[in-house]
Amino acid sequence: IREMKAQIESIVDLHCGKNFTDSKDHYSHALIVIFKDIKGLETYR
């Protein structure tokens, strides 16, 4: 996932990682990707 940032030109920024909060039924990892506009998101998809 991290390597996509260098390979997909429409990505402005990208972060992903492991959740360190331990709670019932929590999600273990998250991804945040920033795009300039909706067209950039569609290019990524």
ModelCIF file with pLDDT and N, C-alpha, C, O atoms, coordinates in Angstrom:
data_MODEL
#
_entry.id   MODEL 
#
_entity.id                         1 
_entity.type                       polymer 
_entity.pdbx_number_of_molecules   1 
#
_entity_poly.entity_id                      1 
_entity_poly.type                           'polypeptide(L)' 
_entity_poly.nstd_linkage                   no 
_entity_poly.nstd_monomer                   no 
_entity_poly.pdbx_seq_one_letter_code       IREMKAQIESIVDLHCGKNFTDSKDHYSHALIVIFKDIKGLETYR 
_entity_poly.pdbx_seq_one_letter_code_can   IREMKAQIESIVDLHCGKNFTDSKDHYSHALIVIFKDIKGLETYR 
_entity_poly.pdbx_strand_id                 A 
#
loop_
_entity_poly_seq.entity_id 
_entity_poly_seq.num 
_entity_poly_seq.mon_id 
_entity_poly_seq.hetero 
1 1  ILE n 
1 2  ARG n 
1 3  GLU n 
1 4  MET n 
1 5  LYS n 
1 6  ALA n 
1 7  GLN n 
1 8  ILE n 
1 9  GLU n 
1 10 SER n 
1 11 ILE n 
1 12 VAL n 
1 13 ASP n 
1 14 LEU n 
1 15 HIS n 
1 16 CYS n 
1 17 GLY n 
1 18 LYS n 
1 19 ASN n 
1 20 PHE n 
1 21 THR n 
1 22 ASP n 
1 23 SER n 
1 24 LYS n 
1 25 ASP n 
1 26 HIS n 
1 27 TYR n 
1 28 SER n 
1 29 HIS n 
1 30 ALA n 
1 31 LEU n 
1 32 ILE n 
1 33 VAL n 
1 34 ILE n 
1 35 PHE n 
1 36 LYS n 
1 37 ASP n 
1 38 ILE n 
1 39 LYS n 
1 40 GLY n 
1 41 LEU n 
1 42 GLU n 
1 43 THR n 
1 44 TYR n 
1 45 ARG n 
#
_struct_asym.id          A 
_struct_asym.entity_id   1 
#
loop_
_ma_qa_metric.id 
_ma_qa_metric.mode 
_ma_qa_metric.name 
_ma_qa_metric.software_group_id 
_ma_qa_metric.type 
1 global pLDDT . pLDDT 
2 local  pLDDT . pLDDT 
#
_ma_qa_metric_global.metric_id      1 
_ma_qa_metric_global.metric_value   94.76 
_ma_qa_metric_global.model_id       1 
_ma_qa_metric_global.ordinal_id     1 
#
loop_
_ma_qa_metric_local.label_asym_id 
_ma_qa_metric_local.label_comp_id 
_ma_qa_metric_local.label_seq_id 
_ma_qa_metric_local.metric_id 
_ma_qa_metric_local.metric_value 
_ma_qa_metric_local.model_id 
_ma_qa_metric_local.ordinal_id 
A ILE 1  2 98.00 1 1  
A ARG 2  2 98.00 1 2  
A GLU 3  2 98.00 1 3  
A MET 4  2 98.00 1 4  
A LYS 5  2 98.00 1 5  
A ALA 6  2 98.00 1 6  
A GLN 7  2 98.00 1 7  
A ILE 8  2 98.00 1 8  
A GLU 9  2 98.00 1 9  
A SER 10 2 98.00 1 10 
A ILE 11 2 98.00 1 11 
A VAL 12 2 98.00 1 12 
A ASP 13 2 98.00 1 13 
A LEU 14 2 98.00 1 14 
A HIS 15 2 97.00 1 15 
A CYS 16 2 98.00 1 16 
A GLY 17 2 96.00 1 17 
A LYS 18 2 95.00 1 18 
A ASN 19 2 94.00 1 19 
A PHE 20 2 92.00 1 20 
A THR 21 2 87.00 1 21 
A ASP 22 2 77.00 1 22 
A SER 23 2 72.00 1 23 
A LYS 24 2 73.00 1 24 
A ASP 25 2 73.00 1 25 
A HIS 26 2 87.00 1 26 
A TYR 27 2 94.00 1 27 
A SER 28 2 94.00 1 28 
A HIS 29 2 97.00 1 29 
A ALA 30 2 97.00 1 30 
A LEU 31 2 98.00 1 31 
A ILE 32 2 98.00 1 32 
A VAL 33 2 98.00 1 33 
A ILE 34 2 98.00 1 34 
A PHE 35 2 98.00 1 35 
A LYS 36 2 98.00 1 36 
A ASP 37 2 98.00 1 37 
A ILE 38 2 98.00 1 38 
A LYS 39 2 98.00 1 39 
A GLY 40 2 98.00 1 40 
A LEU 41 2 98.00 1 41 
A GLU 42 2 98.00 1 42 
A THR 43 2 98.00 1 43 
A TYR 44 2 98.00 1 44 
A ARG 45 2 97.00 1 45 
#
loop_
_atom_site.group_PDB 
_atom_site.id 
_atom_site.type_symbol 
_atom_site.label_atom_id 
_atom_site.label_alt_id 
_atom_site.label_comp_id 
_atom_site.label_asym_id 
_atom_site.label_entity_id 
_atom_site.label_seq_id 
_atom_site.pdbx_PDB_ins_code 
_atom_site.Cartn_x 
_atom_site.Cartn_y 
_atom_site.Cartn_z 
_atom_site.occupancy 
_atom_site.B_iso_or_equiv 
_atom_site.pdbx_formal_charge 
_atom_site.auth_seq_id 
_atom_site.auth_comp_id 
_atom_site.auth_asym_id 
_atom_site.auth_atom_id 
_atom_site.pdbx_PDB_model_num 
ATOM 1   N N  . ILE A 1 1  ? 0.838   -1.203 0.000   1.00 98.00 ? 1  ILE A N  1 
ATOM 2   C CA . ILE A 1 1  ? 0.000   0.000  0.000   1.00 98.00 ? 1  ILE A CA 1 
ATOM 3   C C  . ILE A 1 1  ? 0.872   1.252  0.000   1.00 98.00 ? 1  ILE A C  1 
ATOM 4   O O  . ILE A 1 1  ? 0.621   2.178  -0.771  1.00 98.00 ? 1  ILE A O  1 
ATOM 5   N N  . ARG A 1 2  ? 1.888   1.290  0.853   1.00 98.00 ? 2  ARG A N  1 
ATOM 6   C CA . ARG A 1 2  ? 2.772   2.468  0.911   1.00 98.00 ? 2  ARG A CA 1 
ATOM 7   C C  . ARG A 1 2  ? 3.450   2.735  -0.436  1.00 98.00 ? 2  ARG A C  1 
ATOM 8   O O  . ARG A 1 2  ? 3.645   3.889  -0.817  1.00 98.00 ? 2  ARG A O  1 
ATOM 9   N N  . GLU A 1 3  ? 3.801   1.683  -1.142  1.00 98.00 ? 3  GLU A N  1 
ATOM 10  C CA . GLU A 1 3  ? 4.490   1.835  -2.424  1.00 98.00 ? 3  GLU A CA 1 
ATOM 11  C C  . GLU A 1 3  ? 3.609   2.457  -3.501  1.00 98.00 ? 3  GLU A C  1 
ATOM 12  O O  . GLU A 1 3  ? 4.120   2.958  -4.503  1.00 98.00 ? 3  GLU A O  1 
ATOM 13  N N  . MET A 1 4  ? 2.300   2.432  -3.308  1.00 98.00 ? 4  MET A N  1 
ATOM 14  C CA . MET A 1 4  ? 1.408   3.060  -4.291  1.00 98.00 ? 4  MET A CA 1 
ATOM 15  C C  . MET A 1 4  ? 1.657   4.556  -4.425  1.00 98.00 ? 4  MET A C  1 
ATOM 16  O O  . MET A 1 4  ? 1.459   5.127  -5.497  1.00 98.00 ? 4  MET A O  1 
ATOM 17  N N  . LYS A 1 5  ? 2.091   5.191  -3.338  1.00 98.00 ? 5  LYS A N  1 
ATOM 18  C CA . LYS A 1 5  ? 2.289   6.641  -3.371  1.00 98.00 ? 5  LYS A CA 1 
ATOM 19  C C  . LYS A 1 5  ? 3.248   7.052  -4.483  1.00 98.00 ? 5  LYS A C  1 
ATOM 20  O O  . LYS A 1 5  ? 3.029   8.072  -5.137  1.00 98.00 ? 5  LYS A O  1 
ATOM 21  N N  . ALA A 1 6  ? 4.293   6.284  -4.707  1.00 98.00 ? 6  ALA A N  1 
ATOM 22  C CA . ALA A 1 6  ? 5.277   6.608  -5.751  1.00 98.00 ? 6  ALA A CA 1 
ATOM 23  C C  . ALA A 1 6  ? 4.827   6.149  -7.134  1.00 98.00 ? 6  ALA A C  1 
ATOM 24  O O  . ALA A 1 6  ? 5.414   6.545  -8.141  1.00 98.00 ? 6  ALA A O  1 
ATOM 25  N N  . GLN A 1 7  ? 3.789   5.318  -7.190  1.00 98.00 ? 7  GLN A N  1 
ATOM 26  C CA . GLN A 1 7  ? 3.387   4.718  -8.462  1.00 98.00 ? 7  GLN A CA 1 
ATOM 27  C C  . GLN A 1 7  ? 2.097   5.280  -9.052  1.00 98.00 ? 7  GLN A C  1 
ATOM 28  O O  . GLN A 1 7  ? 1.828   5.108  -10.241 1.00 98.00 ? 7  GLN A O  1 
ATOM 29  N N  . ILE A 1 8  ? 1.307   5.944  -8.230  1.00 98.00 ? 8  ILE A N  1 
ATOM 30  C CA . ILE A 1 8  ? 0.034   6.504  -8.704  1.00 98.00 ? 8  ILE A CA 1 
ATOM 31  C C  . ILE A 1 8  ? 0.104   8.014  -8.565  1.00 98.00 ? 8  ILE A C  1 
ATOM 32  O O  . ILE A 1 8  ? 0.102   8.554  -7.459  1.00 98.00 ? 8  ILE A O  1 
ATOM 33  N N  . GLU A 1 9  ? 0.166   8.679  -9.698  1.00 98.00 ? 9  GLU A N  1 
ATOM 34  C CA . GLU A 1 9  ? 0.440   10.121 -9.739  1.00 98.00 ? 9  GLU A CA 1 
ATOM 35  C C  . GLU A 1 9  ? -0.622  10.987 -9.069  1.00 98.00 ? 9  GLU A C  1 
ATOM 36  O O  . GLU A 1 9  ? -0.323  12.114 -8.674  1.00 98.00 ? 9  GLU A O  1 
ATOM 37  N N  . SER A 1 10 ? -1.841  10.500 -8.931  1.00 98.00 ? 10 SER A N  1 
ATOM 38  C CA . SER A 1 10 ? -2.897  11.331 -8.344  1.00 98.00 ? 10 SER A CA 1 
ATOM 39  C C  . SER A 1 10 ? -2.864  11.363 -6.812  1.00 98.00 ? 10 SER A C  1 
ATOM 40  O O  . SER A 1 10 ? -3.604  12.133 -6.200  1.00 98.00 ? 10 SER A O  1 
ATOM 41  N N  . ILE A 1 11 ? -2.019  10.540 -6.185  1.00 98.00 ? 11 ILE A N  1 
ATOM 42  C CA . ILE A 1 11 ? -1.932  10.531 -4.724  1.00 98.00 ? 11 ILE A CA 1 
ATOM 43  C C  . ILE A 1 11 ? -1.098  11.718 -4.251  1.00 98.00 ? 11 ILE A C  1 
ATOM 44  O O  . ILE A 1 11 ? 0.064   11.861 -4.633  1.00 98.00 ? 11 ILE A O  1 
ATOM 45  N N  . VAL A 1 12 ? -1.695  12.563 -3.422  1.00 98.00 ? 12 VAL A N  1 
ATOM 46  C CA . VAL A 1 12 ? -0.993  13.701 -2.818  1.00 98.00 ? 12 VAL A CA 1 
ATOM 47  C C  . VAL A 1 12 ? -0.230  13.225 -1.588  1.00 98.00 ? 12 VAL A C  1 
ATOM 48  O O  . VAL A 1 12 ? 0.929   13.587 -1.389  1.00 98.00 ? 12 VAL A O  1 
ATOM 49  N N  . ASP A 1 13 ? -0.889  12.410 -0.764  1.00 98.00 ? 13 ASP A N  1 
ATOM 50  C CA . ASP A 1 13 ? -0.249  11.867 0.435   1.00 98.00 ? 13 ASP A CA 1 
ATOM 51  C C  . ASP A 1 13 ? -0.918  10.547 0.786   1.00 98.00 ? 13 ASP A C  1 
ATOM 52  O O  . ASP A 1 13 ? -2.072  10.306 0.430   1.00 98.00 ? 13 ASP A O  1 
ATOM 53  N N  . LEU A 1 14 ? -0.181  9.698  1.487   1.00 98.00 ? 14 LEU A N  1 
ATOM 54  C CA . LEU A 1 14 ? -0.690  8.380  1.857   1.00 98.00 ? 14 LEU A CA 1 
ATOM 55  C C  . LEU A 1 14 ? -0.035  7.955  3.158   1.00 98.00 ? 14 LEU A C  1 
ATOM 56  O O  . LEU A 1 14 ? 1.182   8.046  3.321   1.00 98.00 ? 14 LEU A O  1 
ATOM 57  N N  . HIS A 1 15 ? -0.875  7.485  4.091   1.00 97.00 ? 15 HIS A N  1 
ATOM 58  C CA . HIS A 1 15 ? -0.395  6.946  5.366   1.00 97.00 ? 15 HIS A CA 1 
ATOM 59  C C  . HIS A 1 15 ? -1.183  5.689  5.674   1.00 97.00 ? 15 HIS A C  1 
ATOM 60  O O  . HIS A 1 15 ? -2.387  5.632  5.424   1.00 97.00 ? 15 HIS A O  1 
ATOM 61  N N  . CYS A 1 16 ? -0.519  4.686  6.210   1.00 98.00 ? 16 CYS A N  1 
ATOM 62  C CA . CYS A 1 16 ? -1.220  3.502  6.688   1.00 98.00 ? 16 CYS A CA 1 
ATOM 63  C C  . CYS A 1 16 ? -0.443  2.924  7.855   1.00 98.00 ? 16 CYS A C  1 
ATOM 64  O O  . CYS A 1 16 ? 0.761   3.147  7.987   1.00 98.00 ? 16 CYS A O  1 
ATOM 65  N N  . GLY A 1 17 ? -1.143  2.178  8.703   1.00 96.00 ? 17 GLY A N  1 
ATOM 66  C CA . GLY A 1 17 ? -0.451  1.593  9.838   1.00 96.00 ? 17 GLY A CA 1 
ATOM 67  C C  . GLY A 1 17 ? -1.362  0.807  10.735  1.00 96.00 ? 17 GLY A C  1 
ATOM 68  O O  . GLY A 1 17 ? -2.563  0.676  10.500  1.00 96.00 ? 17 GLY A O  1 
ATOM 69  N N  . LYS A 1 18 ? -0.746  0.287  11.778  1.00 95.00 ? 18 LYS A N  1 
ATOM 70  C CA . LYS A 1 18 ? -1.414  -0.589 12.746  1.00 95.00 ? 18 LYS A CA 1 
ATOM 71  C C  . LYS A 1 18 ? -2.020  0.232  13.877  1.00 95.00 ? 18 LYS A C  1 
ATOM 72  O O  . LYS A 1 18 ? -1.403  1.168  14.384  1.00 95.00 ? 18 LYS A O  1 
ATOM 73  N N  . ASN A 1 19 ? -3.215  -0.128 14.256  1.00 94.00 ? 19 ASN A N  1 
ATOM 74  C CA . ASN A 1 19 ? -3.911  0.494  15.373  1.00 94.00 ? 19 ASN A CA 1 
ATOM 75  C C  . ASN A 1 19 ? -3.261  0.038  16.682  1.00 94.00 ? 19 ASN A C  1 
ATOM 76  O O  . ASN A 1 19 ? -3.094  -1.162 16.903  1.00 94.00 ? 19 ASN A O  1 
ATOM 77  N N  . PHE A 1 20 ? -2.898  0.976  17.543  1.00 92.00 ? 20 PHE A N  1 
ATOM 78  C CA . PHE A 1 20 ? -2.305  0.603  18.825  1.00 92.00 ? 20 PHE A CA 1 
ATOM 79  C C  . PHE A 1 20 ? -3.319  0.668  19.973  1.00 92.00 ? 20 PHE A C  1 
ATOM 80  O O  . PHE A 1 20 ? -2.971  0.388  21.120  1.00 92.00 ? 20 PHE A O  1 
ATOM 81  N N  . THR A 1 21 ? -4.564  1.034  19.671  1.00 87.00 ? 21 THR A N  1 
ATOM 82  C CA . THR A 1 21 ? -5.607  1.077  20.680  1.00 87.00 ? 21 THR A CA 1 
ATOM 83  C C  . THR A 1 21 ? -6.278  -0.283 20.759  1.00 87.00 ? 21 THR A C  1 
ATOM 84  O O  . THR A 1 21 ? -6.750  -0.801 19.747  1.00 87.00 ? 21 THR A O  1 
ATOM 85  N N  . ASP A 1 22 ? -6.325  -0.853 21.926  1.00 77.00 ? 22 ASP A N  1 
ATOM 86  C CA . ASP A 1 22 ? -6.942  -2.151 22.120  1.00 77.00 ? 22 ASP A CA 1 
ATOM 87  C C  . ASP A 1 22 ? -8.346  -1.957 22.674  1.00 77.00 ? 22 ASP A C  1 
ATOM 88  O O  . ASP A 1 22 ? -8.523  -1.586 23.835  1.00 77.00 ? 22 ASP A O  1 
ATOM 89  N N  . SER A 1 23 ? -9.342  -2.212 21.829  1.00 72.00 ? 23 SER A N  1 
ATOM 90  C CA . SER A 1 23 ? -10.722 -2.125 22.274  1.00 72.00 ? 23 SER A CA 1 
ATOM 91  C C  . SER A 1 23 ? -11.519 -3.237 21.608  1.00 72.00 ? 23 SER A C  1 
ATOM 92  O O  . SER A 1 23 ? -11.096 -3.792 20.594  1.00 72.00 ? 23 SER A O  1 
ATOM 93  N N  . LYS A 1 24 ? -12.645 -3.552 22.168  1.00 73.00 ? 24 LYS A N  1 
ATOM 94  C CA . LYS A 1 24 ? -13.461 -4.646 21.646  1.00 73.00 ? 24 LYS A CA 1 
ATOM 95  C C  . LYS A 1 24 ? -13.858 -4.362 20.200  1.00 73.00 ? 24 LYS A C  1 
ATOM 96  O O  . LYS A 1 24 ? -14.308 -3.264 19.872  1.00 73.00 ? 24 LYS A O  1 
ATOM 97  N N  . ASP A 1 25 ? -13.686 -5.358 19.347  1.00 73.00 ? 25 ASP A N  1 
ATOM 98  C CA . ASP A 1 25 ? -14.085 -5.279 17.935  1.00 73.00 ? 25 ASP A CA 1 
ATOM 99  C C  . ASP A 1 25 ? -13.425 -4.131 17.169  1.00 73.00 ? 25 ASP A C  1 
ATOM 100 O O  . ASP A 1 25 ? -14.011 -3.593 16.230  1.00 73.00 ? 25 ASP A O  1 
ATOM 101 N N  . HIS A 1 26 ? -12.226 -3.762 17.563  1.00 87.00 ? 26 HIS A N  1 
ATOM 102 C CA . HIS A 1 26 ? -11.547 -2.661 16.888  1.00 87.00 ? 26 HIS A CA 1 
ATOM 103 C C  . HIS A 1 26 ? -11.011 -3.088 15.516  1.00 87.00 ? 26 HIS A C  1 
ATOM 104 O O  . HIS A 1 26 ? -10.803 -4.271 15.250  1.00 87.00 ? 26 HIS A O  1 
ATOM 105 N N  . TYR A 1 27 ? -10.801 -2.109 14.677  1.00 94.00 ? 27 TYR A N  1 
ATOM 106 C CA . TYR A 1 27 ? -10.118 -2.341 13.409  1.00 94.00 ? 27 TYR A CA 1 
ATOM 107 C C  . TYR A 1 27 ? -8.628  -2.372 13.699  1.00 94.00 ? 27 TYR A C  1 
ATOM 108 O O  . TYR A 1 27 ? -8.138  -1.607 14.529  1.00 94.00 ? 27 TYR A O  1 
ATOM 109 N N  . SER A 1 28 ? -7.912  -3.246 13.023  1.00 94.00 ? 28 SER A N  1 
ATOM 110 C CA . SER A 1 28 ? -6.500  -3.425 13.355  1.00 94.00 ? 28 SER A CA 1 
ATOM 111 C C  . SER A 1 28 ? -5.569  -2.499 12.584  1.00 94.00 ? 28 SER A C  1 
ATOM 112 O O  . SER A 1 28 ? -4.468  -2.204 13.049  1.00 94.00 ? 28 SER A O  1 
ATOM 113 N N  . HIS A 1 29 ? -6.000  -2.033 11.402  1.00 97.00 ? 29 HIS A N  1 
ATOM 114 C CA . HIS A 1 29 ? -5.143  -1.199 10.562  1.00 97.00 ? 29 HIS A CA 1 
ATOM 115 C C  . HIS A 1 29 ? -5.990  -0.147 9.850   1.00 97.00 ? 29 HIS A C  1 
ATOM 116 O O  . HIS A 1 29 ? -7.200  -0.309 9.692   1.00 97.00 ? 29 HIS A O  1 
ATOM 117 N N  . ALA A 1 30 ? -5.339  0.924  9.427   1.00 97.00 ? 30 ALA A N  1 
ATOM 118 C CA . ALA A 1 30 ? -6.043  1.990  8.722   1.00 97.00 ? 30 ALA A CA 1 
ATOM 119 C C  . ALA A 1 30 ? -5.180  2.523  7.575   1.00 97.00 ? 30 ALA A C  1 
ATOM 120 O O  . ALA A 1 30 ? -3.953  2.428  7.588   1.00 97.00 ? 30 ALA A O  1 
ATOM 121 N N  . LEU A 1 31 ? -5.866  3.080  6.600   1.00 98.00 ? 31 LEU A N  1 
ATOM 122 C CA . LEU A 1 31 ? -5.231  3.712  5.446   1.00 98.00 ? 31 LEU A CA 1 
ATOM 123 C C  . LEU A 1 31 ? -5.890  5.062  5.230   1.00 98.00 ? 31 LEU A C  1 
ATOM 124 O O  . LEU A 1 31 ? -7.115  5.174  5.255   1.00 98.00 ? 31 LEU A O  1 
ATOM 125 N N  . ILE A 1 32 ? -5.074  6.087  5.019   1.00 98.00 ? 32 ILE A N  1 
ATOM 126 C CA . ILE A 1 32 ? -5.576  7.413  4.651   1.00 98.00 ? 32 ILE A CA 1 
ATOM 127 C C  . ILE A 1 32 ? -4.830  7.843  3.403   1.00 98.00 ? 32 ILE A C  1 
ATOM 128 O O  . ILE A 1 32 ? -3.600  7.861  3.373   1.00 98.00 ? 32 ILE A O  1 
ATOM 129 N N  . VAL A 1 33 ? -5.600  8.191  2.361   1.00 98.00 ? 33 VAL A N  1 
ATOM 130 C CA . VAL A 1 33 ? -5.003  8.677  1.110   1.00 98.00 ? 33 VAL A CA 1 
ATOM 131 C C  . VAL A 1 33 ? -5.642  10.025 0.803   1.00 98.00 ? 33 VAL A C  1 
ATOM 132 O O  . VAL A 1 33 ? -6.857  10.185 0.918   1.00 98.00 ? 33 VAL A O  1 
ATOM 133 N N  . ILE A 1 34 ? -4.820  10.989 0.413   1.00 98.00 ? 34 ILE A N  1 
ATOM 134 C CA . ILE A 1 34 ? -5.280  12.332 0.079   1.00 98.00 ? 34 ILE A CA 1 
ATOM 135 C C  . ILE A 1 34 ? -5.110  12.558 -1.422  1.00 98.00 ? 34 ILE A C  1 
ATOM 136 O O  . ILE A 1 34 ? -4.081  12.221 -2.009  1.00 98.00 ? 34 ILE A O  1 
ATOM 137 N N  . PHE A 1 35 ? -6.152  13.139 -2.027  1.00 98.00 ? 35 PHE A N  1 
ATOM 138 C CA . PHE A 1 35 ? -6.149  13.471 -3.449  1.00 98.00 ? 35 PHE A CA 1 
ATOM 139 C C  . PHE A 1 35 ? -6.523  14.941 -3.622  1.00 98.00 ? 35 PHE A C  1 
ATOM 140 O O  . PHE A 1 35 ? -7.195  15.525 -2.771  1.00 98.00 ? 35 PHE A O  1 
ATOM 141 N N  . LYS A 1 36 ? -6.090  15.520 -4.712  1.00 98.00 ? 36 LYS A N  1 
ATOM 142 C CA . LYS A 1 36 ? -6.402  16.915 -5.005  1.00 98.00 ? 36 LYS A CA 1 
ATOM 143 C C  . LYS A 1 36 ? -7.894  17.092 -5.274  1.00 98.00 ? 36 LYS A C  1 
ATOM 144 O O  . LYS A 1 36 ? -8.497  18.088 -4.874  1.00 98.00 ? 36 LYS A O  1 
ATOM 145 N N  . ASP A 1 37 ? -8.483  16.101 -5.964  1.00 98.00 ? 37 ASP A N  1 
ATOM 146 C CA . ASP A 1 37 ? -9.888  16.214 -6.354  1.00 98.00 ? 37 ASP A CA 1 
ATOM 147 C C  . ASP A 1 37 ? -10.487 14.826 -6.568  1.00 98.00 ? 37 ASP A C  1 
ATOM 148 O O  . ASP A 1 37 ? -9.799  13.812 -6.459  1.00 98.00 ? 37 ASP A O  1 
ATOM 149 N N  . ILE A 1 38 ? -11.771 14.805 -6.872  1.00 98.00 ? 38 ILE A N  1 
ATOM 150 C CA . ILE A 1 38 ? -12.474 13.535 -7.072  1.00 98.00 ? 38 ILE A CA 1 
ATOM 151 C C  . ILE A 1 38 ? -11.909 12.783 -8.272  1.00 98.00 ? 38 ILE A C  1 
ATOM 152 O O  . ILE A 1 38 ? -11.861 11.553 -8.262  1.00 98.00 ? 38 ILE A O  1 
ATOM 153 N N  . LYS A 1 39 ? -11.489 13.495 -9.289  1.00 98.00 ? 39 LYS A N  1 
ATOM 154 C CA . LYS A 1 39 ? -10.876 12.851 -10.453 1.00 98.00 ? 39 LYS A CA 1 
ATOM 155 C C  . LYS A 1 39 ? -9.640  12.042 -10.030 1.00 98.00 ? 39 LYS A C  1 
ATOM 156 O O  . LYS A 1 39 ? -9.414  10.946 -10.542 1.00 98.00 ? 39 LYS A O  1 
ATOM 157 N N  . GLY A 1 40 ? -8.852  12.572 -9.111  1.00 98.00 ? 40 GLY A N  1 
ATOM 158 C CA . GLY A 1 40 ? -7.675  11.865 -8.605  1.00 98.00 ? 40 GLY A CA 1 
ATOM 159 C C  . GLY A 1 40 ? -8.057  10.592 -7.878  1.00 98.00 ? 40 GLY A C  1 
ATOM 160 O O  . GLY A 1 40 ? -7.380  9.572  -8.010  1.00 98.00 ? 40 GLY A O  1 
ATOM 161 N N  . LEU A 1 41 ? -9.140  10.642 -7.108  1.00 98.00 ? 41 LEU A N  1 
ATOM 162 C CA . LEU A 1 41 ? -9.638  9.449  -6.417  1.00 98.00 ? 41 LEU A CA 1 
ATOM 163 C C  . LEU A 1 41 ? -10.067 8.393  -7.429  1.00 98.00 ? 41 LEU A C  1 
ATOM 164 O O  . LEU A 1 41 ? -9.762  7.211  -7.264  1.00 98.00 ? 41 LEU A O  1 
ATOM 165 N N  . GLU A 1 42 ? -10.770 8.815  -8.472  1.00 98.00 ? 42 GLU A N  1 
ATOM 166 C CA . GLU A 1 42 ? -11.217 7.873  -9.499  1.00 98.00 ? 42 GLU A CA 1 
ATOM 167 C C  . GLU A 1 42 ? -10.027 7.261  -10.240 1.00 98.00 ? 42 GLU A C  1 
ATOM 168 O O  . GLU A 1 42 ? -10.044 6.073  -10.563 1.00 98.00 ? 42 GLU A O  1 
ATOM 169 N N  . THR A 1 43 ? -8.999  8.061  -10.511 1.00 98.00 ? 43 THR A N  1 
ATOM 170 C CA . THR A 1 43 ? -7.783  7.543  -11.146 1.00 98.00 ? 43 THR A CA 1 
ATOM 171 C C  . THR A 1 43 ? -7.172  6.453  -10.284 1.00 98.00 ? 43 THR A C  1 
ATOM 172 O O  . THR A 1 43 ? -6.772  5.404  -10.790 1.00 98.00 ? 43 THR A O  1 
ATOM 173 N N  . TYR A 1 44 ? -7.100  6.697  -8.995  1.00 98.00 ? 44 TYR A N  1 
ATOM 174 C CA . TYR A 1 44 ? -6.566  5.735  -8.022  1.00 98.00 ? 44 TYR A CA 1 
ATOM 175 C C  . TYR A 1 44 ? -7.390  4.450  -8.006  1.00 98.00 ? 44 TYR A C  1 
ATOM 176 O O  . TYR A 1 44 ? -6.840  3.351  -8.069  1.00 98.00 ? 44 TYR A O  1 
ATOM 177 N N  . ARG A 1 45 ? -8.697  4.596  -7.921  1.00 97.00 ? 45 ARG A N  1 
ATOM 178 C CA . ARG A 1 45 ? -9.574  3.419  -7.845  1.00 97.00 ? 45 ARG A CA 1 
ATOM 179 C C  . ARG A 1 45 ? -9.395  2.479  -9.024  1.00 97.00 ? 45 ARG A C  1 
ATOM 180 O O  . ARG A 1 45 ? -10.063 1.448  -9.099  1.00 97.00 ? 45 ARG A O  1 
#
